[in-house]
Amino acid sequence: MQTILGANGQIGEELARELKRNFTSDIRIVSRKPQKINNTDEVFPADLSIREEAILAVKGSEIAYFTLGLPASADLWEQQFPLILRNVIDACKIHGAKLVFFDNTYMYPQDGRVLREDTVFHPVGRKGVVRKEMAEMVLKEMQAGELEAVICRAPEFYGPGKTQSITNTLIFNNIETEKRLKVPLSAAKKRSLIWTPDASRATALIGNTPDAFGQTWHLPVDESRPTYKEFITLASEVYGKELKYFIIPEWVFSIGALFNKSVKELLELLPRYKHDNIFDDSKFRKRFPDFTVTWYRQGIEQIRHEQLSSRKENH
């Protein structure tokens, strides 16, 4: 059995579909209020912050995927994330399950350097510190030989469905509502964005590749690395109209943070928008040369198609 812990977000849902398509029909979906993704899924309600529930959730699993997300609250992350991960690690060790840890880039330095699997951790902000602690927990267990685990790391998302990201919020949500697009800090810096279904497909592939364990893998991205200006120009071609945007300067975020908790939580991520943000996936590409990465044009076309379909359904 393969178990998805935190299965009802975009990554978990796509992961369940990919596992069913290519690897197994024996899938357990775990969250506080789990819902089947495939008709053959087993659903298992659990609060993973409670150790006993985490142990029961992993029981009988060959592989457990940690794709759990929490709301963007530094307080909540500090209270919950390390506790949940410790419970999951203990559960995997008790039951002899492999752990696939889905990770982000918050623990990396937010400057212009190219990000690779061996880039030193140098987090900016409280949430980055939490993600550093979590990654180090998994690395320590792997290095001690106590746990068979693998880290799958993704940069900022863009994508269909439930995808939550700054790019989806400021670009695609505003296209849908016919508002002017917004770009944080600079439209001239190169960006690496990952298509969320690609992130899930690659995670499923790594989880079912025995020799991939004991390592960290950067998940695959379109290597063209457009600036936001180039990305919006491409979106204008796909949507068949000129999409206008404006750049939000840093001082606007600073003032907004005084009045809006969501903006305050965003502040620690802003440095990555001052610099090129380049994510090196060459290790994955070398090991899995047949994996097909979704190009930005393909992704934007799919989002547009989804928006048009949704509009028709609502009329």
C-alpha atoms as a PDB file:
ATOM      1  CA  MET A   1       0.000   0.000   0.000  1.00  0.00           C
ATOM      2  CA  GLN A   2       1.094   3.564  -0.738  1.00  0.00           C
ATOM      3  CA  THR A   3      -0.220   6.228   1.626  1.00  0.00           C
ATOM      4  CA  ILE A   4      -0.564   9.966   0.970  1.00  0.00           C
ATOM      5  CA  LEU A   5      -0.419  12.053   4.133  1.00  0.00           C
ATOM      6  CA  GLY A   6      -2.147  15.360   3.496  1.00  0.00           C
ATOM      7  CA  ALA A   7      -3.846  14.180   0.357  1.00  0.00           C
ATOM      8  CA  ASN A   8      -6.513  16.743  -0.457  1.00  0.00           C
ATOM      9  CA  GLY A   9      -4.353  19.624  -1.686  1.00  0.00           C
ATOM     10  CA  GLN A  10      -3.281  20.011  -5.308  1.00  0.00           C
ATOM     11  CA  ILE A  11      -0.046  18.013  -4.932  1.00  0.00           C
ATOM     12  CA  GLY A  12      -1.696  15.170  -3.016  1.00  0.00           C
ATOM     13  CA  GLU A  13      -4.625  14.907  -5.427  1.00  0.00           C
ATOM     14  CA  GLU A  14      -2.401  14.779  -8.515  1.00  0.00           C
ATOM     15  CA  LEU A  15      -0.108  12.319  -6.737  1.00  0.00           C
ATOM     16  CA  ALA A  16      -3.042   9.979  -6.067  1.00  0.00           C
ATOM     17  CA  ARG A  17      -4.054  10.113  -9.745  1.00  0.00           C
ATOM     18  CA  GLU A  18      -0.509   9.422 -10.926  1.00  0.00           C
ATOM     19  CA  LEU A  19       0.013   6.502  -8.515  1.00  0.00           C
ATOM     20  CA  LYS A  20      -3.243   4.951  -9.736  1.00  0.00           C
ATOM     21  CA  ARG A  21      -2.337   5.539 -13.416  1.00  0.00           C
ATOM     22  CA  ASN A  22       1.120   4.055 -13.312  1.00  0.00           C
ATOM     23  CA  PHE A  23       1.983   2.289 -10.067  1.00  0.00           C
ATOM     24  CA  THR A  24      -0.750   0.914  -7.790  1.00  0.00           C
ATOM     25  CA  SER A  25      -4.471   0.859  -7.012  1.00  0.00           C
ATOM     26  CA  ASP A  26      -3.720   0.211  -3.339  1.00  0.00           C
ATOM     27  CA  ILE A  27      -3.731   3.826  -2.131  1.00  0.00           C
ATOM     28  CA  ARG A  28      -4.668   5.250   1.264  1.00  0.00           C
ATOM     29  CA  ILE A  29      -5.734   8.896   1.500  1.00  0.00           C
ATOM     30  CA  VAL A  30      -5.018  10.498   4.889  1.00  0.00           C
ATOM     31  CA  SER A  31      -6.118  13.896   6.155  1.00  0.00           C
ATOM     32  CA  ARG A  32      -8.458  15.292   8.784  1.00  0.00           C
ATOM     33  CA  LYS A  33     -11.364  15.058   6.342  1.00  0.00           C
ATOM     34  CA  PRO A  34     -10.133  12.783   3.550  1.00  0.00           C
ATOM     35  CA  GLN A  35     -11.957  12.370   0.254  1.00  0.00           C
ATOM     36  CA  LYS A  36     -11.383   9.730  -2.404  1.00  0.00           C
ATOM     37  CA  ILE A  37      -9.478  10.874  -5.484  1.00  0.00           C
ATOM     38  CA  ASN A  38      -9.763   7.510  -7.261  1.00  0.00           C
ATOM     39  CA  ASN A  39     -12.711   5.185  -6.743  1.00  0.00           C
ATOM     40  CA  THR A  40     -10.383   2.472  -5.376  1.00  0.00           C
ATOM     41  CA  ASP A  41      -8.824   4.690  -2.686  1.00  0.00           C
ATOM     42  CA  GLU A  42      -9.072   3.896   1.019  1.00  0.00           C
ATOM     43  CA  VAL A  43      -9.807   7.000   3.100  1.00  0.00           C
ATOM     44  CA  PHE A  44      -8.366   7.337   6.593  1.00  0.00           C
ATOM     45  CA  PRO A  45      -9.238  10.354   8.773  1.00  0.00           C
ATOM     46  CA  ALA A  46      -6.393  11.295  11.099  1.00  0.00           C
ATOM     47  CA  ASP A  47      -4.888  14.251  12.939  1.00  0.00           C
ATOM     48  CA  LEU A  48      -1.181  13.692  12.322  1.00  0.00           C
ATOM     49  CA  SER A  49      -0.230  16.040  15.160  1.00  0.00           C
ATOM     50  CA  ILE A  50      -1.397  13.201  17.454  1.00  0.00           C
ATOM     51  CA  ARG A  51       1.320  10.536  17.503  1.00  0.00           C
ATOM     52  CA  GLU A  52      -1.026   7.552  17.911  1.00  0.00           C
ATOM     53  CA  GLU A  53      -3.132   8.657  14.950  1.00  0.00           C
ATOM     54  CA  ALA A  54      -0.038   9.094  12.762  1.00  0.00           C
ATOM     55  CA  ILE A  55       1.124   5.571  13.683  1.00  0.00           C
ATOM     56  CA  LEU A  56      -2.255   4.111  12.730  1.00  0.00           C
ATOM     57  CA  ALA A  57      -2.364   6.137   9.503  1.00  0.00           C
ATOM     58  CA  VAL A  58       0.938   4.679   8.274  1.00  0.00           C
ATOM     59  CA  LYS A  59       0.286   1.080   9.412  1.00  0.00           C
ATOM     60  CA  GLY A  60       0.443  -1.385   6.503  1.00  0.00           C
ATOM     61  CA  SER A  61       2.115   1.129   4.149  1.00  0.00           C
ATOM     62  CA  GLU A  62       5.087   0.312   1.972  1.00  0.00           C
ATOM     63  CA  ILE A  63       5.574   3.984   1.082  1.00  0.00           C
ATOM     64  CA  ALA A  64       4.238   7.108   2.852  1.00  0.00           C
ATOM     65  CA  TYR A  65       4.214  10.444   1.005  1.00  0.00           C
ATOM     66  CA  PHE A  66       4.342  13.573   3.167  1.00  0.00           C
ATOM     67  CA  THR A  67       2.528  16.224   1.090  1.00  0.00           C
ATOM     68  CA  LEU A  68       0.842  17.980   3.989  1.00  0.00           C
ATOM     69  CA  GLY A  69       0.315  21.714   3.727  1.00  0.00           C
ATOM     70  CA  LEU A  70      -0.603  24.254   6.394  1.00  0.00           C
ATOM     71  CA  PRO A  71      -1.993  27.793   6.043  1.00  0.00           C
ATOM     72  CA  ALA A  72       0.701  30.470   5.632  1.00  0.00           C
ATOM     73  CA  SER A  73       1.037  31.272   9.331  1.00  0.00           C
ATOM     74  CA  ALA A  74       4.473  31.302  10.945  1.00  0.00           C
ATOM     75  CA  ASP A  75       2.910  30.627  14.360  1.00  0.00           C
ATOM     76  CA  LEU A  76       1.037  27.576  13.058  1.00  0.00           C
ATOM     77  CA  TRP A  77       4.085  26.291  11.173  1.00  0.00           C
ATOM     78  CA  GLU A  78       6.277  26.501  14.280  1.00  0.00           C
ATOM     79  CA  GLN A  79       3.661  24.765  16.445  1.00  0.00           C
ATOM     80  CA  GLN A  80       2.542  22.049  14.045  1.00  0.00           C
ATOM     81  CA  PHE A  81       4.956  21.184  11.231  1.00  0.00           C
ATOM     82  CA  PRO A  82       7.962  19.777  13.186  1.00  0.00           C
ATOM     83  CA  LEU A  83       5.584  17.913  15.530  1.00  0.00           C
ATOM     84  CA  ILE A  84       3.647  16.336  12.637  1.00  0.00           C
ATOM     85  CA  LEU A  85       6.819  15.372  10.776  1.00  0.00           C
ATOM     86  CA  ARG A  86       8.342  13.808  13.900  1.00  0.00           C
ATOM     87  CA  ASN A  87       5.178  11.733  14.345  1.00  0.00           C
ATOM     88  CA  VAL A  88       5.264  10.637  10.701  1.00  0.00           C
ATOM     89  CA  ILE A  89       8.968   9.732  10.875  1.00  0.00           C
ATOM     90  CA  ASP A  90       8.344   7.669  14.021  1.00  0.00           C
ATOM     91  CA  ALA A  91       5.361   5.968  12.358  1.00  0.00           C
ATOM     92  CA  CYS A  92       7.458   5.059   9.304  1.00  0.00           C
ATOM     93  CA  LYS A  93      10.224   3.640  11.492  1.00  0.00           C
ATOM     94  CA  ILE A  94       7.763   1.595  13.564  1.00  0.00           C
ATOM     95  CA  HIS A  95       6.107   0.093  10.474  1.00  0.00           C
ATOM     96  CA  GLY A  96       9.175  -0.132   8.218  1.00  0.00           C
ATOM     97  CA  ALA A  97       7.632   2.213   5.645  1.00  0.00           C
ATOM     98  CA  LYS A  98       9.644   4.346   3.241  1.00  0.00           C
ATOM     99  CA  LEU A  99       9.117   8.109   3.526  1.00  0.00           C
ATOM    100  CA  VAL A 100       8.843  10.435   0.517  1.00  0.00           C
ATOM    101  CA  PHE A 101       9.114  13.987   1.851  1.00  0.00           C
ATOM    102  CA  PHE A 102       7.712  16.672  -0.451  1.00  0.00           C
ATOM    103  CA  ASP A 103       9.644  19.864   0.248  1.00  0.00           C
ATOM    104  CA  ASN A 104       9.880  23.488  -0.893  1.00  0.00           C
ATOM    105  CA  THR A 105      12.764  25.972  -1.233  1.00  0.00           C
ATOM    106  CA  TYR A 106      12.088  28.202   1.776  1.00  0.00           C
ATOM    107  CA  MET A 107      15.250  27.032   3.554  1.00  0.00           C
ATOM    108  CA  TYR A 108      17.532  28.145   0.718  1.00  0.00           C
ATOM    109  CA  PRO A 109      19.200  31.563   0.536  1.00  0.00           C
ATOM    110  CA  GLN A 110      16.984  34.080  -1.236  1.00  0.00           C
ATOM    111  CA  ASP A 111      19.577  35.671  -3.458  1.00  0.00           C
ATOM    112  CA  GLY A 112      20.664  35.265  -7.066  1.00  0.00           C
ATOM    113  CA  ARG A 113      22.633  32.014  -6.760  1.00  0.00           C
ATOM    114  CA  VAL A 114      21.525  28.968  -8.751  1.00  0.00           C
ATOM    115  CA  LEU A 115      19.756  26.537  -6.411  1.00  0.00           C
ATOM    116  CA  ARG A 116      21.048  22.953  -6.447  1.00  0.00           C
ATOM    117  CA  GLU A 117      20.468  19.956  -4.189  1.00  0.00           C
ATOM    118  CA  ASP A 118      23.664  20.732  -2.269  1.00  0.00           C
ATOM    119  CA  THR A 119      22.973  24.460  -1.811  1.00  0.00           C
ATOM    120  CA  VAL A 120      23.592  25.431   1.819  1.00  0.00           C
ATOM    121  CA  PHE A 121      20.496  26.135   3.923  1.00  0.00           C
ATOM    122  CA  HIS A 122      20.258  29.824   4.835  1.00  0.00           C
ATOM    123  CA  PRO A 123      16.598  30.637   5.473  1.00  0.00           C
ATOM    124  CA  VAL A 124      15.046  34.088   5.527  1.00  0.00           C
ATOM    125  CA  GLY A 125      12.152  34.396   7.976  1.00  0.00           C
ATOM    126  CA  ARG A 126      10.386  32.135  10.438  1.00  0.00           C
ATOM    127  CA  LYS A 127       8.715  29.810   7.939  1.00  0.00           C
ATOM    128  CA  GLY A 128      12.065  29.273   6.228  1.00  0.00           C
ATOM    129  CA  VAL A 129      13.591  28.298   9.577  1.00  0.00           C
ATOM    130  CA  VAL A 130      10.790  25.742  10.094  1.00  0.00           C
ATOM    131  CA  ARG A 131      11.365  24.202   6.653  1.00  0.00           C
ATOM    132  CA  LYS A 132      15.114  24.021   7.358  1.00  0.00           C
ATOM    133  CA  GLU A 133      14.402  22.186  10.630  1.00  0.00           C
ATOM    134  CA  MET A 134      12.086  19.747   8.853  1.00  0.00           C
ATOM    135  CA  ALA A 135      14.504  19.006   6.005  1.00  0.00           C
ATOM    136  CA  GLU A 136      17.304  18.466   8.514  1.00  0.00           C
ATOM    137  CA  MET A 137      15.120  16.047  10.506  1.00  0.00           C
ATOM    138  CA  VAL A 138      14.700  13.874   7.412  1.00  0.00           C
ATOM    139  CA  LEU A 139      18.374  14.176   6.388  1.00  0.00           C
ATOM    140  CA  LYS A 140      19.515  13.192   9.883  1.00  0.00           C
ATOM    141  CA  GLU A 141      17.339  10.056   9.853  1.00  0.00           C
ATOM    142  CA  MET A 142      18.574   9.111   6.362  1.00  0.00           C
ATOM    143  CA  GLN A 143      22.220   9.629   7.298  1.00  0.00           C
ATOM    144  CA  ALA A 144      21.813   7.575  10.475  1.00  0.00           C
ATOM    145  CA  GLY A 145      20.359   4.721   8.452  1.00  0.00           C
ATOM    146  CA  GLU A 146      17.287   4.781  10.680  1.00  0.00           C
ATOM    147  CA  LEU A 147      14.806   5.517   7.897  1.00  0.00           C
ATOM    148  CA  GLU A 148      14.621   4.857   4.179  1.00  0.00           C
ATOM    149  CA  ALA A 149      13.582   8.261   2.894  1.00  0.00           C
ATOM    150  CA  VAL A 150      13.897  10.649  -0.017  1.00  0.00           C
ATOM    151  CA  ILE A 151      13.387  14.422  -0.332  1.00  0.00           C
ATOM    152  CA  CYS A 152      11.552  15.787  -3.384  1.00  0.00           C
ATOM    153  CA  ARG A 153      11.988  19.559  -3.566  1.00  0.00           C
ATOM    154  CA  ALA A 154       9.925  21.956  -5.691  1.00  0.00           C
ATOM    155  CA  PRO A 155      10.204  25.689  -6.390  1.00  0.00           C
ATOM    156  CA  GLU A 156       7.187  28.009  -6.615  1.00  0.00           C
ATOM    157  CA  PHE A 157       4.074  26.455  -8.131  1.00  0.00           C
ATOM    158  CA  TYR A 158       1.839  27.447 -10.965  1.00  0.00           C
ATOM    159  CA  GLY A 159      -0.916  25.186 -12.192  1.00  0.00           C
ATOM    160  CA  PRO A 160      -4.542  24.145 -12.525  1.00  0.00           C
ATOM    161  CA  GLY A 161      -7.209  23.248 -10.015  1.00  0.00           C
ATOM    162  CA  LYS A 162      -6.478  23.990  -6.373  1.00  0.00           C
ATOM    163  CA  THR A 163      -2.944  25.263  -7.027  1.00  0.00           C
ATOM    164  CA  GLN A 164      -2.093  27.959  -4.493  1.00  0.00           C
ATOM    165  CA  SER A 165       0.834  30.227  -5.281  1.00  0.00           C
ATOM    166  CA  ILE A 166       1.788  33.848  -5.700  1.00  0.00           C
ATOM    167  CA  THR A 167       1.853  33.417  -9.491  1.00  0.00           C
ATOM    168  CA  ASN A 168      -1.625  31.876  -9.593  1.00  0.00           C
ATOM    169  CA  THR A 169      -2.996  34.555  -7.265  1.00  0.00           C
ATOM    170  CA  LEU A 170      -1.455  37.617  -8.915  1.00  0.00           C
ATOM    171  CA  ILE A 171      -1.477  36.456 -12.549  1.00  0.00           C
ATOM    172  CA  PHE A 172      -4.104  33.834 -13.373  1.00  0.00           C
ATOM    173  CA  ASN A 173      -6.769  34.792 -10.824  1.00  0.00           C
ATOM    174  CA  ASN A 174      -6.598  38.361 -12.133  1.00  0.00           C
ATOM    175  CA  ILE A 175      -6.839  37.186 -15.752  1.00  0.00           C
ATOM    176  CA  GLU A 176      -9.984  35.274 -14.804  1.00  0.00           C
ATOM    177  CA  THR A 177     -11.567  38.283 -13.072  1.00  0.00           C
ATOM    178  CA  GLU A 178     -10.354  40.626 -15.846  1.00  0.00           C
ATOM    179  CA  LYS A 179      -8.260  42.706 -13.474  1.00  0.00           C
ATOM    180  CA  ARG A 180      -4.820  44.112 -14.132  1.00  0.00           C
ATOM    181  CA  LEU A 181      -2.091  41.602 -13.356  1.00  0.00           C
ATOM    182  CA  LYS A 182       0.315  42.203 -10.493  1.00  0.00           C
ATOM    183  CA  VAL A 183       4.023  41.416 -10.299  1.00  0.00           C
ATOM    184  CA  PRO A 184       5.964  41.540  -7.025  1.00  0.00           C
ATOM    185  CA  LEU A 185       9.054  43.825  -7.000  1.00  0.00           C
ATOM    186  CA  SER A 186      10.438  43.192 -10.516  1.00  0.00           C
ATOM    187  CA  ALA A 187       9.288  41.917 -13.905  1.00  0.00           C
ATOM    188  CA  ALA A 188      12.876  41.547 -15.123  1.00  0.00           C
ATOM    189  CA  LYS A 189      14.191  38.693 -12.943  1.00  0.00           C
ATOM    190  CA  LYS A 190      14.316  35.101 -14.194  1.00  0.00           C
ATOM    191  CA  ARG A 191      11.983  32.654 -12.473  1.00  0.00           C
ATOM    192  CA  SER A 192      11.720  28.879 -12.150  1.00  0.00           C
ATOM    193  CA  LEU A 193       8.114  27.777 -11.709  1.00  0.00           C
ATOM    194  CA  ILE A 194       6.952  24.167 -11.497  1.00  0.00           C
ATOM    195  CA  TRP A 195       3.700  22.924 -13.037  1.00  0.00           C
ATOM    196  CA  THR A 196       1.942  21.242 -10.088  1.00  0.00           C
ATOM    197  CA  PRO A 197       0.936  18.040 -11.956  1.00  0.00           C
ATOM    198  CA  ASP A 198       4.609  17.655 -13.017  1.00  0.00           C
ATOM    199  CA  ALA A 199       5.674  17.966  -9.370  1.00  0.00           C
ATOM    200  CA  SER A 200       3.265  15.184  -8.404  1.00  0.00           C
ATOM    201  CA  ARG A 201       4.190  12.922 -11.339  1.00  0.00           C
ATOM    202  CA  ALA A 202       7.888  13.302 -10.566  1.00  0.00           C
ATOM    203  CA  THR A 203       7.299  12.601  -6.868  1.00  0.00           C
ATOM    204  CA  ALA A 204       5.410   9.399  -7.698  1.00  0.00           C
ATOM    205  CA  LEU A 205       8.225   8.323 -10.025  1.00  0.00           C
ATOM    206  CA  ILE A 206      10.922   8.952  -7.399  1.00  0.00           C
ATOM    207  CA  GLY A 207       8.860   7.201  -4.708  1.00  0.00           C
ATOM    208  CA  ASN A 208       8.681   4.097  -6.900  1.00  0.00           C
ATOM    209  CA  THR A 209      12.378   4.127  -7.856  1.00  0.00           C
ATOM    210  CA  PRO A 210      14.241   2.220  -5.108  1.00  0.00           C
ATOM    211  CA  ASP A 211      17.708   3.595  -5.929  1.00  0.00           C
ATOM    212  CA  ALA A 212      16.432   7.198  -5.685  1.00  0.00           C
ATOM    213  CA  PHE A 213      16.128   6.927  -1.893  1.00  0.00           C
ATOM    214  CA  GLY A 214      18.688   8.343   0.511  1.00  0.00           C
ATOM    215  CA  GLN A 215      18.998  11.513  -1.580  1.00  0.00           C
ATOM    216  CA  THR A 216      17.481  14.924  -2.295  1.00  0.00           C
ATOM    217  CA  TRP A 217      15.999  15.553  -5.740  1.00  0.00           C
ATOM    218  CA  HIS A 218      15.057  18.835  -7.360  1.00  0.00           C
ATOM    219  CA  LEU A 219      11.842  18.211  -9.282  1.00  0.00           C
ATOM    220  CA  PRO A 220      11.761  19.132 -12.989  1.00  0.00           C
ATOM    221  CA  VAL A 221      10.831  22.551 -14.405  1.00  0.00           C
ATOM    222  CA  ASP A 222      10.635  24.112 -17.859  1.00  0.00           C
ATOM    223  CA  GLU A 223      14.224  25.272 -18.285  1.00  0.00           C
ATOM    224  CA  SER A 224      13.412  28.453 -20.221  1.00  0.00           C
ATOM    225  CA  ARG A 225      13.242  30.432 -16.930  1.00  0.00           C
ATOM    226  CA  PRO A 226      11.251  33.430 -18.170  1.00  0.00           C
ATOM    227  CA  THR A 227      11.009  36.755 -16.393  1.00  0.00           C
ATOM    228  CA  TYR A 228       7.518  37.765 -15.323  1.00  0.00           C
ATOM    229  CA  LYS A 229       7.479  40.154 -18.296  1.00  0.00           C
ATOM    230  CA  GLU A 230       8.234  37.251 -20.672  1.00  0.00           C
ATOM    231  CA  PHE A 231       5.765  34.976 -18.854  1.00  0.00           C
ATOM    232  CA  ILE A 232       2.958  37.547 -19.206  1.00  0.00           C
ATOM    233  CA  THR A 233       3.859  38.122 -22.879  1.00  0.00           C
ATOM    234  CA  LEU A 234       3.487  34.364 -23.425  1.00  0.00           C
ATOM    235  CA  ALA A 235       0.177  34.380 -21.541  1.00  0.00           C
ATOM    236  CA  SER A 236      -1.006  37.271 -23.748  1.00  0.00           C
ATOM    237  CA  GLU A 237      -0.308  35.117 -26.827  1.00  0.00           C
ATOM    238  CA  VAL A 238      -2.219  32.174 -25.341  1.00  0.00           C
ATOM    239  CA  TYR A 239      -5.201  34.281 -24.251  1.00  0.00           C
ATOM    240  CA  GLY A 240      -5.205  36.257 -27.514  1.00  0.00           C
ATOM    241  CA  LYS A 241      -5.184  39.671 -25.872  1.00  0.00           C
ATOM    242  CA  GLU A 242      -2.680  42.066 -24.341  1.00  0.00           C
ATOM    243  CA  LEU A 243      -2.487  41.434 -20.623  1.00  0.00           C
ATOM    244  CA  LYS A 244      -1.432  44.562 -18.762  1.00  0.00           C
ATOM    245  CA  TYR A 245       0.373  44.399 -15.452  1.00  0.00           C
ATOM    246  CA  PHE A 246       1.869  46.648 -12.827  1.00  0.00           C
ATOM    247  CA  ILE A 247       4.777  46.063 -10.467  1.00  0.00           C
ATOM    248  CA  ILE A 248       4.071  46.185  -6.730  1.00  0.00           C
ATOM    249  CA  PRO A 249       7.031  47.931  -5.038  1.00  0.00           C
ATOM    250  CA  GLU A 250       8.414  46.680  -1.737  1.00  0.00           C
ATOM    251  CA  TRP A 251       7.098  49.649   0.278  1.00  0.00           C
ATOM    252  CA  VAL A 252       3.519  48.723  -0.645  1.00  0.00           C
ATOM    253  CA  PHE A 253       4.012  45.260   0.862  1.00  0.00           C
ATOM    254  CA  SER A 254       5.585  46.804   3.980  1.00  0.00           C
ATOM    255  CA  ILE A 255       2.617  49.110   4.531  1.00  0.00           C
ATOM    256  CA  GLY A 256       0.116  46.353   3.675  1.00  0.00           C
ATOM    257  CA  ALA A 257       1.740  44.076   6.254  1.00  0.00           C
ATOM    258  CA  LEU A 258       0.737  46.522   8.999  1.00  0.00           C
ATOM    259  CA  PHE A 259      -2.940  45.957   8.241  1.00  0.00           C
ATOM    260  CA  ASN A 260      -3.159  42.542   6.569  1.00  0.00           C
ATOM    261  CA  LYS A 261      -1.910  39.313   8.159  1.00  0.00           C
ATOM    262  CA  SER A 262      -1.639  37.522   4.793  1.00  0.00           C
ATOM    263  CA  VAL A 263       0.635  40.256   3.435  1.00  0.00           C
ATOM    264  CA  LYS A 264       2.711  40.121   6.627  1.00  0.00           C
ATOM    265  CA  GLU A 265       3.216  36.377   6.135  1.00  0.00           C
ATOM    266  CA  LEU A 266       4.338  37.069   2.554  1.00  0.00           C
ATOM    267  CA  LEU A 267       7.121  39.503   3.495  1.00  0.00           C
ATOM    268  CA  GLU A 268       9.758  36.837   4.153  1.00  0.00           C
ATOM    269  CA  LEU A 269       9.351  35.500   0.599  1.00  0.00           C
ATOM    270  CA  LEU A 270       9.887  38.861  -1.096  1.00  0.00           C
ATOM    271  CA  PRO A 271      13.695  38.691  -1.371  1.00  0.00           C
ATOM    272  CA  ARG A 272      13.379  35.909  -3.985  1.00  0.00           C
ATOM    273  CA  TYR A 273      11.598  38.403  -6.267  1.00  0.00           C
ATOM    274  CA  LYS A 274      14.504  40.872  -6.103  1.00  0.00           C
ATOM    275  CA  HIS A 275      16.853  38.373  -7.739  1.00  0.00           C
ATOM    276  CA  ASP A 276      16.912  35.735 -10.449  1.00  0.00           C
ATOM    277  CA  ASN A 277      15.397  32.596  -8.920  1.00  0.00           C
ATOM    278  CA  ILE A 278      16.914  29.687 -10.850  1.00  0.00           C
ATOM    279  CA  PHE A 279      16.232  26.108  -9.803  1.00  0.00           C
ATOM    280  CA  ASP A 280      18.635  23.485 -11.179  1.00  0.00           C
ATOM    281  CA  ASP A 281      16.897  20.172 -11.986  1.00  0.00           C
ATOM    282  CA  SER A 282      19.766  18.611 -13.971  1.00  0.00           C
ATOM    283  CA  LYS A 283      20.197  15.699 -11.539  1.00  0.00           C
ATOM    284  CA  PHE A 284      16.584  14.610 -12.115  1.00  0.00           C
ATOM    285  CA  ARG A 285      16.820  15.059 -15.890  1.00  0.00           C
ATOM    286  CA  LYS A 286      19.961  12.928 -16.055  1.00  0.00           C
ATOM    287  CA  ARG A 287      18.413  10.111 -13.984  1.00  0.00           C
ATOM    288  CA  PHE A 288      14.960  10.247 -15.616  1.00  0.00           C
ATOM    289  CA  PRO A 289      15.593  11.354 -19.223  1.00  0.00           C
ATOM    290  CA  ASP A 290      12.207  10.101 -20.445  1.00  0.00           C
ATOM    291  CA  PHE A 291      10.166  12.297 -18.089  1.00  0.00           C
ATOM    292  CA  THR A 292       8.129  14.812 -20.103  1.00  0.00           C
ATOM    293  CA  VAL A 293       8.136  18.300 -18.576  1.00  0.00           C
ATOM    294  CA  THR A 294       5.168  20.573 -19.245  1.00  0.00           C
ATOM    295  CA  TRP A 295       6.284  23.710 -21.102  1.00  0.00           C
ATOM    296  CA  TYR A 296       5.022  27.068 -19.860  1.00  0.00           C
ATOM    297  CA  ARG A 297       2.908  27.540 -22.991  1.00  0.00           C
ATOM    298  CA  GLN A 298       1.261  24.141 -22.436  1.00  0.00           C
ATOM    299  CA  GLY A 299       0.572  24.957 -18.797  1.00  0.00           C
ATOM    300  CA  ILE A 300      -0.900  28.373 -19.569  1.00  0.00           C
ATOM    301  CA  GLU A 301      -3.073  26.834 -22.303  1.00  0.00           C
ATOM    302  CA  GLN A 302      -4.399  24.285 -19.811  1.00  0.00           C
ATOM    303  CA  ILE A 303      -5.207  26.966 -17.208  1.00  0.00           C
ATOM    304  CA  ARG A 304      -7.034  29.002 -19.882  1.00  0.00           C
ATOM    305  CA  HIS A 305      -9.011  25.931 -20.963  1.00  0.00           C
ATOM    306  CA  GLU A 306      -9.966  25.228 -17.348  1.00  0.00           C
ATOM    307  CA  GLN A 307     -11.095  28.841 -16.840  1.00  0.00           C
ATOM    308  CA  LEU A 308     -13.224  28.754 -19.999  1.00  0.00           C
ATOM    309  CA  SER A 309     -14.819  25.446 -18.971  1.00  0.00           C
ATOM    310  CA  SER A 310     -15.578  26.800 -15.504  1.00  0.00           C
ATOM    311  CA  ARG A 311     -17.167  29.915 -16.986  1.00  0.00           C
ATOM    312  CA  LYS A 312     -19.438  27.820 -19.237  1.00  0.00           C
ATOM    313  CA  GLU A 313     -20.542  25.678 -16.295  1.00  0.00           C
ATOM    314  CA  ASN A 314     -21.426  28.755 -14.251  1.00  0.00           C
ATOM    315  CA  HIS A 315     -23.615  30.311 -16.970  1.00  0.00           C
END
